[in-house]
């Protein structure tokens, strides 16, 4: 999906129990976003584009499958970190608390 006025980042994640349905959902999302993990994608879309994507996913999914779509605010979308990316873990490690 191209950057259009009114589009913003969404995190799309799914738990699909059937390998065939999983592959269909994966192929659909691969064409719309950036894969972050096995079943997690970051998608830039307008509300209309996101609704169309959700509708297409619903046609693939079964009642036993799960789908979660989270809208990210602009600063949240920029702060999504991937463990395997070059700059993902440049922040200082968290402070360890001792008891």
PDB file of N, CA and C in Angstrom:
ATOM      1  N   UNK A   1       0.843  -1.172   0.000  1.00  0.00           N
ATOM      2  CA  UNK A   1       0.000   0.000   0.000  1.00  0.00           C
ATOM      3  C   UNK A   1       0.886   1.230   0.000  1.00  0.00           C
ATOM      4  N   UNK A   2       0.570   2.161  -0.793  1.00  0.00           N
ATOM      5  CA  UNK A   2       1.399   3.358  -0.884  1.00  0.00           C
ATOM      6  C   UNK A   2       1.088   4.319   0.261  1.00  0.00           C
ATOM      7  N   UNK A   3       2.051   5.238   0.493  1.00  0.00           N
ATOM      8  CA  UNK A   3       1.823   6.268   1.493  1.00  0.00           C
ATOM      9  C   UNK A   3       0.826   7.260   0.924  1.00  0.00           C
ATOM     10  N   UNK A   4      -0.332   7.305   1.487  1.00  0.00           N
ATOM     11  CA  UNK A   4      -1.361   8.241   1.040  1.00  0.00           C
ATOM     12  C   UNK A   4      -1.760   9.110   2.207  1.00  0.00           C
ATOM     13  N   UNK A   5      -2.296  10.254   1.891  1.00  0.00           N
ATOM     14  CA  UNK A   5      -2.778  11.141   2.935  1.00  0.00           C
ATOM     15  C   UNK A   5      -3.803  10.388   3.783  1.00  0.00           C
ATOM     16  N   UNK A   6      -3.654  10.468   5.081  1.00  0.00           N
ATOM     17  CA  UNK A   6      -4.608   9.806   5.968  1.00  0.00           C
ATOM     18  C   UNK A   6      -4.223   8.387   6.335  1.00  0.00           C
ATOM     19  N   UNK A   7      -3.099   7.899   5.841  1.00  0.00           N
ATOM     20  CA  UNK A   7      -2.698   6.543   6.205  1.00  0.00           C
ATOM     21  C   UNK A   7      -1.796   6.597   7.431  1.00  0.00           C
ATOM     22  N   UNK A   8      -1.842   5.536   8.210  1.00  0.00           N
ATOM     23  CA  UNK A   8      -0.979   5.424   9.366  1.00  0.00           C
ATOM     24  C   UNK A   8      -0.672   3.954   9.625  1.00  0.00           C
ATOM     25  N   UNK A   9       0.212   3.713  10.592  1.00  0.00           N
ATOM     26  CA  UNK A   9       0.687   2.354  10.852  1.00  0.00           C
ATOM     27  C   UNK A   9      -0.308   1.560  11.689  1.00  0.00           C
ATOM     28  N   UNK A  10      -0.370   0.271  11.365  1.00  0.00           N
ATOM     29  CA  UNK A  10      -1.179  -0.692  12.118  1.00  0.00           C
ATOM     30  C   UNK A  10      -0.323  -1.931  12.339  1.00  0.00           C
ATOM     31  N   UNK A  11      -0.520  -2.559  13.461  1.00  0.00           N
ATOM     32  CA  UNK A  11       0.120  -3.830  13.739  1.00  0.00           C
ATOM     33  C   UNK A  11      -0.943  -4.903  13.534  1.00  0.00           C
ATOM     34  N   UNK A  12      -0.674  -5.844  12.644  1.00  0.00           N
ATOM     35  CA  UNK A  12      -1.623  -6.919  12.329  1.00  0.00           C
ATOM     36  C   UNK A  12      -0.978  -8.234  12.747  1.00  0.00           C
ATOM     37  N   UNK A  13      -1.656  -8.959  13.614  1.00  0.00           N
ATOM     38  CA  UNK A  13      -1.140 -10.238  14.071  1.00  0.00           C
ATOM     39  C   UNK A  13      -2.268 -11.262  14.031  1.00  0.00           C
ATOM     40  N   UNK A  14      -1.892 -12.501  13.795  1.00  0.00           N
ATOM     41  CA  UNK A  14      -2.898 -13.538  13.674  1.00  0.00           C
ATOM     42  C   UNK A  14      -2.392 -14.859  14.218  1.00  0.00           C
ATOM     43  N   UNK A  15      -3.331 -15.699  14.622  1.00  0.00           N
ATOM     44  CA  UNK A  15      -3.049 -17.064  15.060  1.00  0.00           C
ATOM     45  C   UNK A  15      -3.996 -17.943  14.260  1.00  0.00           C
ATOM     46  N   UNK A  16      -3.452 -18.600  13.253  1.00  0.00           N
ATOM     47  CA  UNK A  16      -4.261 -19.399  12.329  1.00  0.00           C
ATOM     48  C   UNK A  16      -3.868 -20.855  12.493  1.00  0.00           C
ATOM     49  N   UNK A  17      -4.840 -21.704  12.766  1.00  0.00           N
ATOM     50  CA  UNK A  17      -4.564 -23.091  13.118  1.00  0.00           C
ATOM     51  C   UNK A  17      -4.321 -24.016  11.937  1.00  0.00           C
ATOM     52  N   UNK A  18      -4.688 -23.614  10.755  1.00  0.00           N
ATOM     53  CA  UNK A  18      -4.534 -24.457   9.560  1.00  0.00           C
ATOM     54  C   UNK A  18      -3.422 -23.889   8.678  1.00  0.00           C
ATOM     55  N   UNK A  19      -2.490 -24.750   8.260  1.00  0.00           N
ATOM     56  CA  UNK A  19      -1.336 -24.291   7.466  1.00  0.00           C
ATOM     57  C   UNK A  19      -1.759 -23.663   6.139  1.00  0.00           C
ATOM     58  N   UNK A  20      -2.775 -24.191   5.505  1.00  0.00           N
ATOM     59  CA  UNK A  20      -3.231 -23.632   4.229  1.00  0.00           C
ATOM     60  C   UNK A  20      -3.792 -22.232   4.392  1.00  0.00           C
ATOM     61  N   UNK A  21      -4.617 -22.019   5.413  1.00  0.00           N
ATOM     62  CA  UNK A  21      -5.160 -20.681   5.677  1.00  0.00           C
ATOM     63  C   UNK A  21      -4.044 -19.726   6.103  1.00  0.00           C
ATOM     64  N   UNK A  22      -3.091 -20.242   6.892  1.00  0.00           N
ATOM     65  CA  UNK A  22      -1.975 -19.407   7.320  1.00  0.00           C
ATOM     66  C   UNK A  22      -1.196 -18.883   6.109  1.00  0.00           C
ATOM     67  N   UNK A  23      -0.909 -19.773   5.148  1.00  0.00           N
ATOM     68  CA  UNK A  23      -0.166 -19.360   3.948  1.00  0.00           C
ATOM     69  C   UNK A  23      -0.937 -18.309   3.153  1.00  0.00           C
ATOM     70  N   UNK A  24      -2.247 -18.474   3.037  1.00  0.00           N
ATOM     71  CA  UNK A  24      -3.057 -17.489   2.302  1.00  0.00           C
ATOM     72  C   UNK A  24      -3.007 -16.127   2.991  1.00  0.00           C
ATOM     73  N   UNK A  25      -3.148 -16.131   4.313  1.00  0.00           N
ATOM     74  CA  UNK A  25      -3.096 -14.864   5.058  1.00  0.00           C
ATOM     75  C   UNK A  25      -1.708 -14.236   4.949  1.00  0.00           C
ATOM     76  N   UNK A  26      -0.688 -15.069   5.042  1.00  0.00           N
ATOM     77  CA  UNK A  26       0.692 -14.584   4.929  1.00  0.00           C
ATOM     78  C   UNK A  26       0.921 -13.922   3.571  1.00  0.00           C
ATOM     79  N   UNK A  27       0.488 -14.575   2.502  1.00  0.00           N
ATOM     80  CA  UNK A  27       0.677 -14.015   1.155  1.00  0.00           C
ATOM     81  C   UNK A  27      -0.080 -12.697   1.002  1.00  0.00           C
ATOM     82  N   UNK A  28      -1.280 -12.639   1.546  1.00  0.00           N
ATOM     83  CA  UNK A  28      -2.069 -11.407   1.466  1.00  0.00           C
ATOM     84  C   UNK A  28      -1.359 -10.276   2.207  1.00  0.00           C
ATOM     85  N   UNK A  29      -0.934 -10.530   3.422  1.00  0.00           N
ATOM     86  CA  UNK A  29      -0.292  -9.487   4.213  1.00  0.00           C
ATOM     87  C   UNK A  29       1.085  -9.112   3.678  1.00  0.00           C
ATOM     88  N   UNK A  30       1.797 -10.068   3.121  1.00  0.00           N
ATOM     89  CA  UNK A  30       3.117  -9.789   2.543  1.00  0.00           C
ATOM     90  C   UNK A  30       2.998  -8.720   1.456  1.00  0.00           C
ATOM     91  N   UNK A  31       1.883  -8.691   0.763  1.00  0.00           N
ATOM     92  CA  UNK A  31       1.666  -7.693  -0.272  1.00  0.00           C
ATOM     93  C   UNK A  31       1.227  -6.338   0.252  1.00  0.00           C
ATOM     94  N   UNK A  32       0.941  -6.258   1.551  1.00  0.00           N
ATOM     95  CA  UNK A  32       0.435  -5.006   2.117  1.00  0.00           C
ATOM     96  C   UNK A  32       1.314  -4.399   3.194  1.00  0.00           C
ATOM     97  N   UNK A  33       2.246  -5.174   3.733  1.00  0.00           N
ATOM     98  CA  UNK A  33       3.015  -4.640   4.852  1.00  0.00           C
ATOM     99  C   UNK A  33       4.376  -5.276   5.000  1.00  0.00           C
ATOM    100  N   UNK A  34       4.970  -4.987   6.121  1.00  0.00           N
ATOM    101  CA  UNK A  34       6.313  -5.445   6.450  1.00  0.00           C
ATOM    102  C   UNK A  34       6.205  -6.513   7.536  1.00  0.00           C
ATOM    103  N   UNK A  35       6.741  -7.684   7.272  1.00  0.00           N
ATOM    104  CA  UNK A  35       6.691  -8.767   8.254  1.00  0.00           C
ATOM    105  C   UNK A  35       7.706  -8.487   9.350  1.00  0.00           C
ATOM    106  N   UNK A  36       7.233  -8.501  10.599  1.00  0.00           N
ATOM    107  CA  UNK A  36       8.109  -8.283  11.737  1.00  0.00           C
ATOM    108  C   UNK A  36       8.477  -9.588  12.423  1.00  0.00           C
ATOM    109  N   UNK A  37       7.513 -10.484  12.513  1.00  0.00           N
ATOM    110  CA  UNK A  37       7.729 -11.797  13.103  1.00  0.00           C
ATOM    111  C   UNK A  37       6.851 -12.792  12.360  1.00  0.00           C
ATOM    112  N   UNK A  38       6.863 -14.032  12.826  1.00  0.00           N
ATOM    113  CA  UNK A  38       6.179 -15.128  12.136  1.00  0.00           C
ATOM    114  C   UNK A  38       4.765 -14.755  11.693  1.00  0.00           C
ATOM    115  N   UNK A  39       3.951 -14.254  12.572  1.00  0.00           N
ATOM    116  CA  UNK A  39       2.574 -13.888  12.246  1.00  0.00           C
ATOM    117  C   UNK A  39       2.261 -12.459  12.662  1.00  0.00           C
ATOM    118  N   UNK A  40       3.223 -11.580  12.512  1.00  0.00           N
ATOM    119  CA  UNK A  40       3.063 -10.179  12.895  1.00  0.00           C
ATOM    120  C   UNK A  40       3.553  -9.297  11.749  1.00  0.00           C
ATOM    121  N   UNK A  41       2.701  -8.376  11.317  1.00  0.00           N
ATOM    122  CA  UNK A  41       3.036  -7.455  10.237  1.00  0.00           C
ATOM    123  C   UNK A  41       2.788  -6.021  10.683  1.00  0.00           C
ATOM    124  N   UNK A  42       3.593  -5.106  10.144  1.00  0.00           N
ATOM    125  CA  UNK A  42       3.349  -3.675  10.288  1.00  0.00           C
ATOM    126  C   UNK A  42       2.843  -3.204   8.934  1.00  0.00           C
ATOM    127  N   UNK A  43       1.657  -2.606   8.926  1.00  0.00           N
ATOM    128  CA  UNK A  43       0.987  -2.214   7.690  1.00  0.00           C
ATOM    129  C   UNK A  43       0.673  -0.724   7.752  1.00  0.00           C
ATOM    130  N   UNK A  44       1.035  -0.006   6.700  1.00  0.00           N
ATOM    131  CA  UNK A  44       0.663   1.415   6.581  1.00  0.00           C
ATOM    132  C   UNK A  44      -0.552   1.478   5.670  1.00  0.00           C
ATOM    133  N   UNK A  45      -1.665   1.982   6.223  1.00  0.00           N
ATOM    134  CA  UNK A  45      -2.912   1.983   5.461  1.00  0.00           C
ATOM    135  C   UNK A  45      -3.849   3.070   5.968  1.00  0.00           C
ATOM    136  N   UNK A  46      -4.705   3.527   5.073  1.00  0.00           N
ATOM    137  CA  UNK A  46      -5.785   4.426   5.468  1.00  0.00           C
ATOM    138  C   UNK A  46      -6.876   3.574   6.111  1.00  0.00           C
ATOM    139  N   UNK A  47      -7.856   4.218   6.697  1.00  0.00           N
ATOM    140  CA  UNK A  47      -8.961   3.468   7.301  1.00  0.00           C
ATOM    141  C   UNK A  47      -9.675   2.612   6.258  1.00  0.00           C
ATOM    142  N   UNK A  48      -9.864   3.161   5.081  1.00  0.00           N
ATOM    143  CA  UNK A  48     -10.544   2.431   4.008  1.00  0.00           C
ATOM    144  C   UNK A  48      -9.702   1.229   3.544  1.00  0.00           C
ATOM    145  N   UNK A  49      -8.403   1.433   3.374  1.00  0.00           N
ATOM    146  CA  UNK A  49      -7.527   0.335   2.971  1.00  0.00           C
ATOM    147  C   UNK A  49      -7.480  -0.751   4.046  1.00  0.00           C
ATOM    148  N   UNK A  50      -7.444  -0.332   5.307  1.00  0.00           N
ATOM    149  CA  UNK A  50      -7.406  -1.299   6.398  1.00  0.00           C
ATOM    150  C   UNK A  50      -8.698  -2.105   6.458  1.00  0.00           C
ATOM    151  N   UNK A  51      -9.814  -1.457   6.249  1.00  0.00           N
ATOM    152  CA  UNK A  51     -11.096  -2.178   6.252  1.00  0.00           C
ATOM    153  C   UNK A  51     -11.151  -3.192   5.114  1.00  0.00           C
ATOM    154  N   UNK A  52     -10.640  -2.825   3.965  1.00  0.00           N
ATOM    155  CA  UNK A  52     -10.584  -3.758   2.830  1.00  0.00           C
ATOM    156  C   UNK A  52      -9.678  -4.950   3.165  1.00  0.00           C
ATOM    157  N   UNK A  53      -8.523  -4.696   3.764  1.00  0.00           N
ATOM    158  CA  UNK A  53      -7.616  -5.768   4.162  1.00  0.00           C
ATOM    159  C   UNK A  53      -8.274  -6.677   5.194  1.00  0.00           C
ATOM    160  N   UNK A  54      -8.938  -6.098   6.182  1.00  0.00           N
ATOM    161  CA  UNK A  54      -9.625  -6.893   7.200  1.00  0.00           C
ATOM    162  C   UNK A  54     -10.687  -7.769   6.566  1.00  0.00           C
ATOM    163  N   UNK A  55     -11.418  -7.212   5.617  1.00  0.00           N
ATOM    164  CA  UNK A  55     -12.460  -7.968   4.922  1.00  0.00           C
ATOM    165  C   UNK A  55     -11.842  -9.139   4.162  1.00  0.00           C
ATOM    166  N   UNK A  56     -10.725  -8.918   3.478  1.00  0.00           N
ATOM    167  CA  UNK A  56     -10.050  -9.983   2.744  1.00  0.00           C
ATOM    168  C   UNK A  56      -9.525 -11.055   3.692  1.00  0.00           C
ATOM    169  N   UNK A  57      -9.007 -10.651   4.841  1.00  0.00           N
ATOM    170  CA  UNK A  57      -8.536 -11.629   5.829  1.00  0.00           C
ATOM    171  C   UNK A  57      -9.697 -12.449   6.389  1.00  0.00           C
ATOM    172  N   UNK A  58     -10.807 -11.799   6.654  1.00  0.00           N
ATOM    173  CA  UNK A  58     -11.982 -12.509   7.184  1.00  0.00           C
ATOM    174  C   UNK A  58     -12.472 -13.584   6.214  1.00  0.00           C
ATOM    175  N   UNK A  59     -12.286 -13.366   4.936  1.00  0.00           N
ATOM    176  CA  UNK A  59     -12.680 -14.374   3.944  1.00  0.00           C
ATOM    177  C   UNK A  59     -11.788 -15.611   4.032  1.00  0.00           C
ATOM    178  N   UNK A  60     -10.561 -15.446   4.521  1.00  0.00           N
ATOM    179  CA  UNK A  60      -9.601 -16.546   4.641  1.00  0.00           C
ATOM    180  C   UNK A  60      -9.771 -17.280   5.973  1.00  0.00           C
ATOM    181  N   UNK A  61      -9.993 -16.526   7.040  1.00  0.00           N
ATOM    182  CA  UNK A  61      -9.986 -17.082   8.389  1.00  0.00           C
ATOM    183  C   UNK A  61     -11.211 -17.936   8.686  1.00  0.00           C
ATOM    184  N   UNK A  62     -11.023 -18.847   9.630  1.00  0.00           N
ATOM    185  CA  UNK A  62     -12.086 -19.710  10.124  1.00  0.00           C
ATOM    186  C   UNK A  62     -12.436 -19.248  11.540  1.00  0.00           C
ATOM    187  N   UNK A  63     -13.528 -19.746  12.086  1.00  0.00           N
ATOM    188  CA  UNK A  63     -13.960 -19.320  13.423  1.00  0.00           C
ATOM    189  C   UNK A  63     -12.947 -19.684  14.506  1.00  0.00           C
ATOM    190  N   UNK A  64     -12.105 -20.685  14.275  1.00  0.00           N
ATOM    191  CA  UNK A  64     -11.097 -21.071  15.273  1.00  0.00           C
ATOM    192  C   UNK A  64      -9.844 -20.197  15.220  1.00  0.00           C
ATOM    193  N   UNK A  65      -9.714 -19.346  14.210  1.00  0.00           N
ATOM    194  CA  UNK A  65      -8.541 -18.488  14.041  1.00  0.00           C
ATOM    195  C   UNK A  65      -8.739 -17.164  14.767  1.00  0.00           C
ATOM    196  N   UNK A  66      -7.626 -16.510  15.078  1.00  0.00           N
ATOM    197  CA  UNK A  66      -7.661 -15.213  15.753  1.00  0.00           C
ATOM    198  C   UNK A  66      -6.968 -14.158  14.895  1.00  0.00           C
ATOM    199  N   UNK A  67      -7.487 -12.937  14.950  1.00  0.00           N
ATOM    200  CA  UNK A  67      -6.920 -11.807  14.229  1.00  0.00           C
ATOM    201  C   UNK A  67      -6.967 -10.606  15.157  1.00  0.00           C
ATOM    202  N   UNK A  68      -5.853  -9.890  15.249  1.00  0.00           N
ATOM    203  CA  UNK A  68      -5.779  -8.685  16.069  1.00  0.00           C
ATOM    204  C   UNK A  68      -5.140  -7.590  15.230  1.00  0.00           C
ATOM    205  N   UNK A  69      -5.820  -6.444  15.142  1.00  0.00           N
ATOM    206  CA  UNK A  69      -5.298  -5.293  14.409  1.00  0.00           C
ATOM    207  C   UNK A  69      -5.255  -4.121  15.379  1.00  0.00           C
ATOM    208  N   UNK A  70      -4.066  -3.580  15.584  1.00  0.00           N
ATOM    209  CA  UNK A  70      -3.874  -2.451  16.480  1.00  0.00           C
ATOM    210  C   UNK A  70      -3.458  -1.237  15.671  1.00  0.00           C
ATOM    211  N   UNK A  71      -4.159  -0.135  15.832  1.00  0.00           N
ATOM    212  CA  UNK A  71      -3.751   1.113  15.190  1.00  0.00           C
ATOM    213  C   UNK A  71      -2.671   1.748  16.041  1.00  0.00           C
ATOM    214  N   UNK A  72      -1.619   2.203  15.379  1.00  0.00           N
ATOM    215  CA  UNK A  72      -0.498   2.815  16.083  1.00  0.00           C
ATOM    216  C   UNK A  72      -0.484   4.315  15.823  1.00  0.00           C
ATOM    217  N   UNK A  73      -0.290   5.099  16.877  1.00  0.00           N
ATOM    218  CA  UNK A  73      -0.146   6.537  16.685  1.00  0.00           C
ATOM    219  C   UNK A  73       1.155   6.768  15.908  1.00  0.00           C
ATOM    220  N   UNK A  74       1.329   7.913  15.276  1.00  0.00           N
ATOM    221  CA  UNK A  74       2.539   8.134  14.469  1.00  0.00           C
ATOM    222  C   UNK A  74       3.833   7.882  15.219  1.00  0.00           C
ATOM    223  N   UNK A  75       3.946   8.370  16.441  1.00  0.00           N
ATOM    224  CA  UNK A  75       5.198   8.140  17.177  1.00  0.00           C
ATOM    225  C   UNK A  75       5.333   6.677  17.584  1.00  0.00           C
ATOM    226  N   UNK A  76       4.225   5.995  17.863  1.00  0.00           N
ATOM    227  CA  UNK A  76       4.278   4.561  18.197  1.00  0.00           C
ATOM    228  C   UNK A  76       4.750   3.753  16.989  1.00  0.00           C
ATOM    229  N   UNK A  77       4.267   4.093  15.816  1.00  0.00           N
ATOM    230  CA  UNK A  77       4.667   3.391  14.603  1.00  0.00           C
ATOM    231  C   UNK A  77       6.153   3.495  14.333  1.00  0.00           C
ATOM    232  N   UNK A  78       6.727   4.647  14.652  1.00  0.00           N
ATOM    233  CA  UNK A  78       8.167   4.832  14.453  1.00  0.00           C
ATOM    234  C   UNK A  78       8.985   4.096  15.504  1.00  0.00           C
ATOM    235  N   UNK A  79       8.367   3.823  16.664  1.00  0.00           N
ATOM    236  CA  UNK A  79       9.114   3.181  17.754  1.00  0.00           C
ATOM    237  C   UNK A  79       9.012   1.660  17.745  1.00  0.00           C
ATOM    238  N   UNK A  80       8.329   1.076  16.788  1.00  0.00           N
ATOM    239  CA  UNK A  80       8.270  -0.384  16.714  1.00  0.00           C
ATOM    240  C   UNK A  80       9.684  -0.892  16.489  1.00  0.00           C
ATOM    241  N   UNK A  81      10.103  -1.807  17.315  1.00  0.00           N
ATOM    242  CA  UNK A  81      11.469  -2.323  17.222  1.00  0.00           C
ATOM    243  C   UNK A  81      11.434  -3.800  16.881  1.00  0.00           C
ATOM    244  N   UNK A  82      12.358  -4.183  16.056  1.00  0.00           N
ATOM    245  CA  UNK A  82      12.527  -5.578  15.694  1.00  0.00           C
ATOM    246  C   UNK A  82      13.828  -6.048  16.310  1.00  0.00           C
ATOM    247  N   UNK A  83      13.827  -7.210  16.859  1.00  0.00           N
ATOM    248  CA  UNK A  83      15.042  -7.742  17.486  1.00  0.00           C
ATOM    249  C   UNK A  83      16.131  -7.972  16.454  1.00  0.00           C
ATOM    250  N   UNK A  84      15.780  -8.360  15.247  1.00  0.00           N
ATOM    251  CA  UNK A  84      16.760  -8.725  14.238  1.00  0.00           C
ATOM    252  C   UNK A  84      17.201  -7.563  13.354  1.00  0.00           C
ATOM    253  N   UNK A  85      16.670  -6.386  13.574  1.00  0.00           N
ATOM    254  CA  UNK A  85      17.109  -5.265  12.743  1.00  0.00           C
ATOM    255  C   UNK A  85      18.362  -4.633  13.354  1.00  0.00           C
ATOM    256  N   UNK A  86      19.111  -3.914  12.549  1.00  0.00           N
ATOM    257  CA  UNK A  86      20.387  -3.336  12.977  1.00  0.00           C
ATOM    258  C   UNK A  86      20.261  -2.410  14.170  1.00  0.00           C
ATOM    259  N   UNK A  87      19.265  -1.547  14.157  1.00  0.00           N
ATOM    260  CA  UNK A  87      19.164  -0.546  15.218  1.00  0.00           C
ATOM    261  C   UNK A  87      18.122  -0.896  16.274  1.00  0.00           C
ATOM    262  N   UNK A  88      17.673  -2.124  16.309  1.00  0.00           N
ATOM    263  CA  UNK A  88      16.580  -2.489  17.202  1.00  0.00           C
ATOM    264  C   UNK A  88      16.931  -2.383  18.673  1.00  0.00           C
ATOM    265  N   UNK A  89      18.124  -2.713  19.049  1.00  0.00           N
ATOM    266  CA  UNK A  89      18.446  -2.795  20.473  1.00  0.00           C
ATOM    267  C   UNK A  89      19.556  -1.817  20.868  1.00  0.00           C
ATOM    268  N   UNK A  90      19.546  -0.645  20.298  1.00  0.00           N
ATOM    269  CA  UNK A  90      20.579   0.341  20.657  1.00  0.00           C
ATOM    270  C   UNK A  90      20.275   1.059  21.956  1.00  0.00           C
ATOM    271  N   UNK A  91      19.083   0.915  22.466  1.00  0.00           N
ATOM    272  CA  UNK A  91      18.733   1.543  23.740  1.00  0.00           C
ATOM    273  C   UNK A  91      19.521   0.869  24.856  1.00  0.00           C
ATOM    274  N   UNK A  92      19.689   1.579  25.928  1.00  0.00           N
ATOM    275  CA  UNK A  92      20.360   1.016  27.089  1.00  0.00           C
ATOM    276  C   UNK A  92      19.527  -0.141  27.642  1.00  0.00           C
ATOM    277  N   UNK A  93      20.169  -1.165  28.194  1.00  0.00           N
ATOM    278  CA  UNK A  93      19.405  -2.266  28.779  1.00  0.00           C
ATOM    279  C   UNK A  93      18.593  -1.768  29.964  1.00  0.00           C
ATOM    280  N   UNK A  94      17.488  -2.443  30.273  1.00  0.00           N
ATOM    281  CA  UNK A  94      16.667  -1.994  31.403  1.00  0.00           C
ATOM    282  C   UNK A  94      17.427  -2.139  32.726  1.00  0.00           C
ATOM    283  N   UNK A  95      17.064  -1.321  33.676  1.00  0.00           N
ATOM    284  CA  UNK A  95      17.675  -1.387  34.992  1.00  0.00           C
ATOM    285  C   UNK A  95      17.192  -2.642  35.688  1.00  0.00           C
ATOM    286  N   UNK A  96      18.116  -3.372  36.282  1.00  0.00           N
ATOM    287  CA  UNK A  96      17.748  -4.594  37.011  1.00  0.00           C
ATOM    288  C   UNK A  96      17.362  -4.210  38.440  1.00  0.00           C
ATOM    289  N   UNK A  97      16.244  -4.747  38.853  1.00  0.00           N
ATOM    290  CA  UNK A  97      15.804  -4.511  40.211  1.00  0.00           C
ATOM    291  C   UNK A  97      16.206  -5.695  41.069  1.00  0.00           C
ATOM    292  N   UNK A  98      16.747  -5.422  42.213  1.00  0.00           N
ATOM    293  CA  UNK A  98      17.099  -6.504  43.135  1.00  0.00           C
ATOM    294  C   UNK A  98      16.185  -6.444  44.324  1.00  0.00           C
ATOM    295  N   UNK A  99      15.953  -7.567  44.896  1.00  0.00           N
ATOM    296  CA  UNK A  99      15.047  -7.622  46.050  1.00  0.00           C
ATOM    297  C   UNK A  99      15.796  -7.452  47.324  1.00  0.00           C
TER     298      UNK A  99
END
